[in-house]
C-alpha atoms as a PDB file:
ATOM      1  CA  MET A   1      -2.745  28.649   8.632  1.00  0.00           C
ATOM      2  CA  LYS A   2      -0.193  27.515   6.056  1.00  0.00           C
ATOM      3  CA  GLN A   3      -0.989  28.452   2.455  1.00  0.00           C
ATOM      4  CA  LEU A   4      -0.980  25.259   0.397  1.00  0.00           C
ATOM      5  CA  SER A   5       0.794  25.101  -2.940  1.00  0.00           C
ATOM      6  CA  THR A   6      -1.105  23.875  -5.999  1.00  0.00           C
ATOM      7  CA  LYS A   7       0.838  20.609  -5.804  1.00  0.00           C
ATOM      8  CA  GLU A   8      -0.246  20.101  -2.181  1.00  0.00           C
ATOM      9  CA  LYS A   9      -3.848  20.910  -3.074  1.00  0.00           C
ATOM     10  CA  ILE A  10      -3.730  18.292  -5.840  1.00  0.00           C
ATOM     11  CA  MET A  11      -2.353  15.667  -3.461  1.00  0.00           C
ATOM     12  CA  ASN A  12      -4.928  16.463  -0.769  1.00  0.00           C
ATOM     13  CA  ALA A  13      -7.773  16.305  -3.278  1.00  0.00           C
ATOM     14  CA  ALA A  14      -6.447  12.981  -4.577  1.00  0.00           C
ATOM     15  CA  ILE A  15      -6.221  11.567  -1.040  1.00  0.00           C
ATOM     16  CA  ASP A  16      -9.846  12.493  -0.343  1.00  0.00           C
ATOM     17  CA  LEU A  17     -11.093  11.118  -3.666  1.00  0.00           C
ATOM     18  CA  PHE A  18      -8.996   7.917  -3.587  1.00  0.00           C
ATOM     19  CA  SER A  19     -10.131   7.137  -0.027  1.00  0.00           C
ATOM     20  CA  GLU A  20     -13.798   7.840  -0.820  1.00  0.00           C
ATOM     21  CA  SER A  21     -14.146   6.189  -4.231  1.00  0.00           C
ATOM     22  CA  GLY A  22     -11.007   4.128  -4.864  1.00  0.00           C
ATOM     23  CA  TYR A  23      -8.004   4.882  -7.041  1.00  0.00           C
ATOM     24  CA  ASP A  24      -9.366   3.185 -10.169  1.00  0.00           C
ATOM     25  CA  LYS A  25     -12.610   5.177 -10.207  1.00  0.00           C
ATOM     26  CA  ILE A  26     -10.966   8.595 -10.027  1.00  0.00           C
ATOM     27  CA  SER A  27      -9.655  10.466 -13.057  1.00  0.00           C
ATOM     28  CA  MET A  28      -7.237  13.357 -13.343  1.00  0.00           C
ATOM     29  CA  ARG A  29     -10.235  15.433 -14.407  1.00  0.00           C
ATOM     30  CA  ASP A  30     -12.005  14.565 -11.133  1.00  0.00           C
ATOM     31  CA  ILE A  31      -9.000  15.732  -9.141  1.00  0.00           C
ATOM     32  CA  ALA A  32      -8.705  18.931 -11.171  1.00  0.00           C
ATOM     33  CA  GLY A  33     -12.388  19.661 -10.562  1.00  0.00           C
ATOM     34  CA  VAL A  34     -11.958  19.479  -6.779  1.00  0.00           C
ATOM     35  CA  VAL A  35      -8.858  21.688  -6.850  1.00  0.00           C
ATOM     36  CA  GLY A  36     -10.553  24.152  -9.198  1.00  0.00           C
ATOM     37  CA  ILE A  37      -8.012  24.046 -12.013  1.00  0.00           C
ATOM     38  CA  ASN A  38      -8.145  22.696 -15.558  1.00  0.00           C
ATOM     39  CA  VAL A  39      -6.887  19.175 -16.094  1.00  0.00           C
ATOM     40  CA  ALA A  40      -3.902  20.329 -18.176  1.00  0.00           C
ATOM     41  CA  SER A  41      -2.572  22.215 -15.148  1.00  0.00           C
ATOM     42  CA  ILE A  42      -2.238  18.979 -13.163  1.00  0.00           C
ATOM     43  CA  TYR A  43       0.254  17.659 -15.693  1.00  0.00           C
ATOM     44  CA  ASN A  44       2.531  20.599 -14.876  1.00  0.00           C
ATOM     45  CA  HIS A  45       2.956  18.993 -11.452  1.00  0.00           C
ATOM     46  CA  PHE A  46       2.344  15.280 -12.029  1.00  0.00           C
ATOM     47  CA  PRO A  47       2.895  13.341 -15.273  1.00  0.00           C
ATOM     48  CA  SER A  48       0.287  10.706 -14.349  1.00  0.00           C
ATOM     49  CA  LYS A  49      -2.272   9.668 -11.754  1.00  0.00           C
ATOM     50  CA  ASN A  50       0.153   7.000 -10.568  1.00  0.00           C
ATOM     51  CA  SER A  51       2.798   9.655  -9.911  1.00  0.00           C
ATOM     52  CA  ILE A  52       0.308  11.398  -7.590  1.00  0.00           C
ATOM     53  CA  LEU A  53      -0.152   8.136  -5.693  1.00  0.00           C
ATOM     54  CA  GLU A  54       3.589   7.610  -5.364  1.00  0.00           C
ATOM     55  CA  SER A  55       4.017  11.219  -4.191  1.00  0.00           C
ATOM     56  CA  ILE A  56       1.392  10.540  -1.512  1.00  0.00           C
ATOM     57  CA  LEU A  57       3.441   7.536  -0.386  1.00  0.00           C
ATOM     58  CA  GLU A  58       6.653   9.588  -0.447  1.00  0.00           C
ATOM     59  CA  ASP A  59       5.019  12.299   1.662  1.00  0.00           C
ATOM     60  CA  TYR A  60       3.803   9.721   4.199  1.00  0.00           C
ATOM     61  CA  THR A  61       7.246   8.093   4.262  1.00  0.00           C
ATOM     62  CA  LYS A  62       8.865  11.463   4.986  1.00  0.00           C
ATOM     63  CA  TYR A  63       6.384  11.966   7.817  1.00  0.00           C
ATOM     64  CA  ASN A  64       7.572   8.856   9.620  1.00  0.00           C
ATOM     65  CA  SER A  65      11.038   8.753   8.035  1.00  0.00           C
ATOM     66  CA  GLY A  66      13.320   6.627  10.141  1.00  0.00           C
ATOM     67  CA  SER A  67      10.799   6.546  12.972  1.00  0.00           C
ATOM     68  CA  LEU A  68      10.809   2.776  13.244  1.00  0.00           C
ATOM     69  CA  HIS A  69      14.571   2.872  13.763  1.00  0.00           C
ATOM     70  CA  ASP A  70      14.765   6.048  15.870  1.00  0.00           C
ATOM     71  CA  GLN A  71      15.781   5.392  19.475  1.00  0.00           C
ATOM     72  CA  ALA A  72      13.944   8.556  20.548  1.00  0.00           C
ATOM     73  CA  ILE A  73      10.559   6.888  20.074  1.00  0.00           C
ATOM     74  CA  PHE A  74      11.605   4.119  22.465  1.00  0.00           C
ATOM     75  CA  SER A  75      12.535   6.775  25.037  1.00  0.00           C
ATOM     76  CA  GLN A  76       9.054   8.178  24.597  1.00  0.00           C
ATOM     77  CA  LEU A  77       7.578   4.712  25.167  1.00  0.00           C
ATOM     78  CA  ARG A  78       9.478   4.452  28.451  1.00  0.00           C
ATOM     79  CA  GLU A  79       7.869   7.730  29.506  1.00  0.00           C
ATOM     80  CA  ASN A  80       4.412   6.643  28.328  1.00  0.00           C
ATOM     81  CA  PRO A  81       4.177   2.817  28.494  1.00  0.00           C
ATOM     82  CA  THR A  82       0.508   2.697  27.525  1.00  0.00           C
ATOM     83  CA  THR A  83      -1.569   1.694  24.508  1.00  0.00           C
ATOM     84  CA  ASP A  84      -1.156   5.218  23.108  1.00  0.00           C
ATOM     85  CA  GLY A  85       2.580   4.991  23.698  1.00  0.00           C
ATOM     86  CA  ILE A  86       2.742   1.724  21.750  1.00  0.00           C
ATOM     87  CA  MET A  87       0.704   3.171  18.894  1.00  0.00           C
ATOM     88  CA  SER A  88       3.044   6.176  18.780  1.00  0.00           C
ATOM     89  CA  CYS A  89       5.939   3.746  18.353  1.00  0.00           C
ATOM     90  CA  PHE A  90       4.336   2.465  15.171  1.00  0.00           C
ATOM     91  CA  GLN A  91       3.413   5.947  13.894  1.00  0.00           C
ATOM     92  CA  LEU A  92      -0.297   5.270  14.422  1.00  0.00           C
ATOM     93  CA  VAL A  93      -0.895   8.345  16.542  1.00  0.00           C
ATOM     94  CA  PHE A  94      -0.864  11.405  14.319  1.00  0.00           C
ATOM     95  CA  PRO A  95      -0.493  15.155  14.941  1.00  0.00           C
ATOM     96  CA  GLU A  96      -3.547  16.729  16.538  1.00  0.00           C
ATOM     97  CA  GLY A  97      -5.929  17.982  13.893  1.00  0.00           C
ATOM     98  CA  GLU A  98      -4.330  15.820  11.183  1.00  0.00           C
ATOM     99  CA  GLU A  99      -5.449  12.377  12.340  1.00  0.00           C
ATOM    100  CA  GLU A 100      -8.122  11.928   9.692  1.00  0.00           C
ATOM    101  CA  HIS A 101      -5.790  13.116   6.921  1.00  0.00           C
ATOM    102  CA  TYR A 102      -3.029  10.639   7.763  1.00  0.00           C
ATOM    103  CA  LEU A 103      -5.480   7.785   8.288  1.00  0.00           C
ATOM    104  CA  LYS A 104      -6.934   8.462   4.847  1.00  0.00           C
ATOM    105  CA  VAL A 105      -3.384   8.311   3.455  1.00  0.00           C
ATOM    106  CA  LEU A 106      -2.814   5.020   5.267  1.00  0.00           C
ATOM    107  CA  TYR A 107      -6.111   3.693   3.912  1.00  0.00           C
ATOM    108  CA  VAL A 108      -5.143   4.604   0.334  1.00  0.00           C
ATOM    109  CA  ILE A 109      -1.724   2.977   0.761  1.00  0.00           C
ATOM    110  CA  LEU A 110      -3.252  -0.246   2.088  1.00  0.00           C
ATOM    111  CA  GLN A 111      -5.893  -0.275  -0.653  1.00  0.00           C
ATOM    112  CA  GLU A 112      -3.338   0.120  -3.427  1.00  0.00           C
ATOM    113  CA  GLN A 113      -0.638  -2.250  -2.216  1.00  0.00           C
ATOM    114  CA  HIS A 114      -2.057  -5.096  -4.340  1.00  0.00           C
ATOM    115  CA  ARG A 115      -1.644  -3.056  -7.531  1.00  0.00           C
ATOM    116  CA  ASN A 116       1.546  -1.085  -7.040  1.00  0.00           C
ATOM    117  CA  PRO A 117       4.764  -2.995  -6.199  1.00  0.00           C
ATOM    118  CA  ILE A 118       6.425   0.114  -4.755  1.00  0.00           C
ATOM    119  CA  ILE A 119       3.592   0.547  -2.272  1.00  0.00           C
ATOM    120  CA  ARG A 120       3.455  -3.198  -1.556  1.00  0.00           C
ATOM    121  CA  HIS A 121       7.163  -3.168  -0.662  1.00  0.00           C
ATOM    122  CA  HIS A 122       6.652  -0.180   1.631  1.00  0.00           C
ATOM    123  CA  VAL A 123       3.737  -1.845   3.441  1.00  0.00           C
ATOM    124  CA  ALA A 124       5.645  -5.118   3.859  1.00  0.00           C
ATOM    125  CA  GLU A 125       8.779  -3.440   5.164  1.00  0.00           C
ATOM    126  CA  ASN A 126       7.346  -0.638   7.293  1.00  0.00           C
ATOM    127  CA  LEU A 127       3.930  -1.815   8.474  1.00  0.00           C
ATOM    128  CA  LEU A 128       3.852  -5.603   8.472  1.00  0.00           C
ATOM    129  CA  GLY A 129       7.465  -6.734   8.437  1.00  0.00           C
ATOM    130  CA  ASN A 130       8.740  -4.942  11.531  1.00  0.00           C
ATOM    131  CA  GLU A 131       9.129  -7.909  13.880  1.00  0.00           C
ATOM    132  CA  GLN A 132      12.343  -6.553  15.417  1.00  0.00           C
ATOM    133  CA  HIS A 133      10.551  -3.320  16.231  1.00  0.00           C
ATOM    134  CA  ILE A 134       7.691  -5.251  17.869  1.00  0.00           C
ATOM    135  CA  LYS A 135      10.289  -7.246  19.864  1.00  0.00           C
ATOM    136  CA  THR A 136      11.963  -4.020  21.071  1.00  0.00           C
ATOM    137  CA  VAL A 137       8.602  -2.718  22.287  1.00  0.00           C
ATOM    138  CA  PHE A 138       8.138  -6.039  24.115  1.00  0.00           C
ATOM    139  CA  ASP A 139      11.567  -5.747  25.797  1.00  0.00           C
ATOM    140  CA  ILE A 140      10.847  -2.205  26.990  1.00  0.00           C
ATOM    141  CA  LEU A 141       7.429  -3.114  28.422  1.00  0.00           C
ATOM    142  CA  LYS A 142       8.941  -6.156  30.126  1.00  0.00           C
ATOM    143  CA  GLU A 143      11.772  -4.032  31.536  1.00  0.00           C
ATOM    144  CA  LEU A 144       9.167  -1.629  32.950  1.00  0.00           C
ATOM    145  CA  HIS A 145       7.177  -4.551  34.424  1.00  0.00           C
ATOM    146  CA  ILE A 146       4.133  -3.670  32.330  1.00  0.00           C
ATOM    147  CA  ILE A 147       3.945  -7.234  31.042  1.00  0.00           C
ATOM    148  CA  ARG A 148       4.668 -10.434  32.934  1.00  0.00           C
ATOM    149  CA  ASP A 149       8.195 -11.856  33.079  1.00  0.00           C
ATOM    150  CA  ASP A 150       6.966 -15.249  31.883  1.00  0.00           C
ATOM    151  CA  THR A 151       5.400 -13.841  28.702  1.00  0.00           C
ATOM    152  CA  ASP A 152       6.791 -15.573  25.624  1.00  0.00           C
ATOM    153  CA  PRO A 153       8.443 -12.974  23.347  1.00  0.00           C
ATOM    154  CA  ASP A 154       7.554 -15.096  20.306  1.00  0.00           C
ATOM    155  CA  PHE A 155       3.887 -14.913  21.297  1.00  0.00           C
ATOM    156  CA  TRP A 156       4.141 -11.113  21.581  1.00  0.00           C
ATOM    157  CA  VAL A 157       5.774 -10.783  18.164  1.00  0.00           C
ATOM    158  CA  LYS A 158       3.300 -13.143  16.489  1.00  0.00           C
ATOM    159  CA  ALA A 159       0.340 -11.461  18.167  1.00  0.00           C
ATOM    160  CA  GLY A 160       1.653  -8.009  17.270  1.00  0.00           C
ATOM    161  CA  SER A 161       2.194  -8.988  13.642  1.00  0.00           C
ATOM    162  CA  SER A 162      -1.277 -10.499  13.524  1.00  0.00           C
ATOM    163  CA  LEU A 163      -2.749  -7.239  14.797  1.00  0.00           C
ATOM    164  CA  PHE A 164      -1.197  -5.335  11.915  1.00  0.00           C
ATOM    165  CA  TYR A 165      -2.369  -7.891   9.366  1.00  0.00           C
ATOM    166  CA  THR A 166      -5.871  -7.793  10.858  1.00  0.00           C
ATOM    167  CA  PHE A 167      -5.852  -4.003  10.971  1.00  0.00           C
ATOM    168  CA  SER A 168      -4.659  -3.666   7.372  1.00  0.00           C
ATOM    169  CA  GLY A 169      -7.179  -6.249   6.150  1.00  0.00           C
ATOM    170  CA  ARG A 170     -10.106  -4.663   7.958  1.00  0.00           C
ATOM    171  CA  MET A 171      -9.050  -1.208   6.845  1.00  0.00           C
ATOM    172  CA  MET A 172      -8.929  -2.328   3.208  1.00  0.00           C
ATOM    173  CA  LEU A 173     -12.401  -3.850   3.512  1.00  0.00           C
ATOM    174  CA  GLY A 174     -13.817  -0.870   5.394  1.00  0.00           C
ATOM    175  CA  ILE A 175     -14.807  -3.064   8.363  1.00  0.00           C
ATOM    176  CA  GLY A 176     -14.975  -1.741  11.897  1.00  0.00           C
ATOM    177  CA  ASP A 177     -16.749   1.562  11.395  1.00  0.00           C
ATOM    178  CA  SER A 178     -20.219   2.268  12.748  1.00  0.00           C
ATOM    179  CA  SER A 179     -21.338   3.823   9.470  1.00  0.00           C
ATOM    180  CA  SER A 180     -21.470   2.424   5.955  1.00  0.00           C
ATOM    181  CA  ASN A 181     -18.626   4.702   4.836  1.00  0.00           C
ATOM    182  CA  PHE A 182     -14.936   4.466   5.623  1.00  0.00           C
ATOM    183  CA  SER A 183     -13.786   6.235   8.779  1.00  0.00           C
ATOM    184  CA  GLY A 184     -10.103   6.238   9.596  1.00  0.00           C
ATOM    185  CA  MET A 185     -10.831   7.316  13.146  1.00  0.00           C
ATOM    186  CA  GLY A 186     -13.046   4.276  13.611  1.00  0.00           C
ATOM    187  CA  MET A 187     -10.206   2.042  12.445  1.00  0.00           C
ATOM    188  CA  ALA A 188      -7.716   3.745  14.789  1.00  0.00           C
ATOM    189  CA  GLU A 189     -10.054   3.030  17.694  1.00  0.00           C
ATOM    190  CA  LEU A 190     -10.254  -0.614  16.596  1.00  0.00           C
ATOM    191  CA  LEU A 191      -6.460  -0.902  16.656  1.00  0.00           C
ATOM    192  CA  ARG A 192      -6.345   0.728  20.087  1.00  0.00           C
ATOM    193  CA  HIS A 193      -8.754  -1.918  21.390  1.00  0.00           C
ATOM    194  CA  MET A 194      -6.522  -4.635  19.895  1.00  0.00           C
ATOM    195  CA  PHE A 195      -3.440  -3.302  21.721  1.00  0.00           C
ATOM    196  CA  ASP A 196      -5.468  -2.994  24.933  1.00  0.00           C
ATOM    197  CA  MET A 197      -6.335  -6.676  24.581  1.00  0.00           C
ATOM    198  CA  MET A 198      -2.669  -7.617  24.103  1.00  0.00           C
ATOM    199  CA  LEU A 199      -1.685  -5.728  27.251  1.00  0.00           C
ATOM    200  CA  LYS A 200      -4.479  -7.426  29.203  1.00  0.00           C
ATOM    201  CA  ILE A 201      -3.363 -10.871  28.043  1.00  0.00           C
ATOM    202  CA  CYS A 202       0.305 -10.244  28.812  1.00  0.00           C
ATOM    203  CA  GLY A 203      -0.004  -7.724  31.623  1.00  0.00           C
ATOM    204  CA  ARG A 204       0.628  -8.228  35.284  1.00  0.00           C
END
């Protein structure tokens, strides 16, 4: 198992705390307590709580860097033209064993987009504003005869965009889980059901 640096431990602790209690309710002292260091030590790595949040976003961006414009993911979709293949195209299927971590990161990003313009821009550009990417997925599925030839591409794009807006809204509100607490895995299953529904509507 990889040995985490202090900086990585701080970010992981912040992700857990932000997703459980919300960014505003967590202090640098709270984060330091989870990591097991004194609060002054955090400032050796991060000048502010906001800088931790932006580092979390940067780390997530590096994870899927260029993925929405990488032709390789479309090749993978051709090999696996299923709901899971579509979700992989939008970086919503995460490495085995790390699903909950990345879904917590996504949850924090969606929660904080209203407050932080950097995060809001990222969400708009990479999660909600990717109509061309949705259209490319449509073209591939049509080419593979997964969806009907008479399916309106505008309907597919609008429906796909609506799914992401619905997903992000429900994730921010914590809706869709069977328990009273947030569960990223529950939200991922909700999105999978949404894509299944789209394929049933448009499928052959």
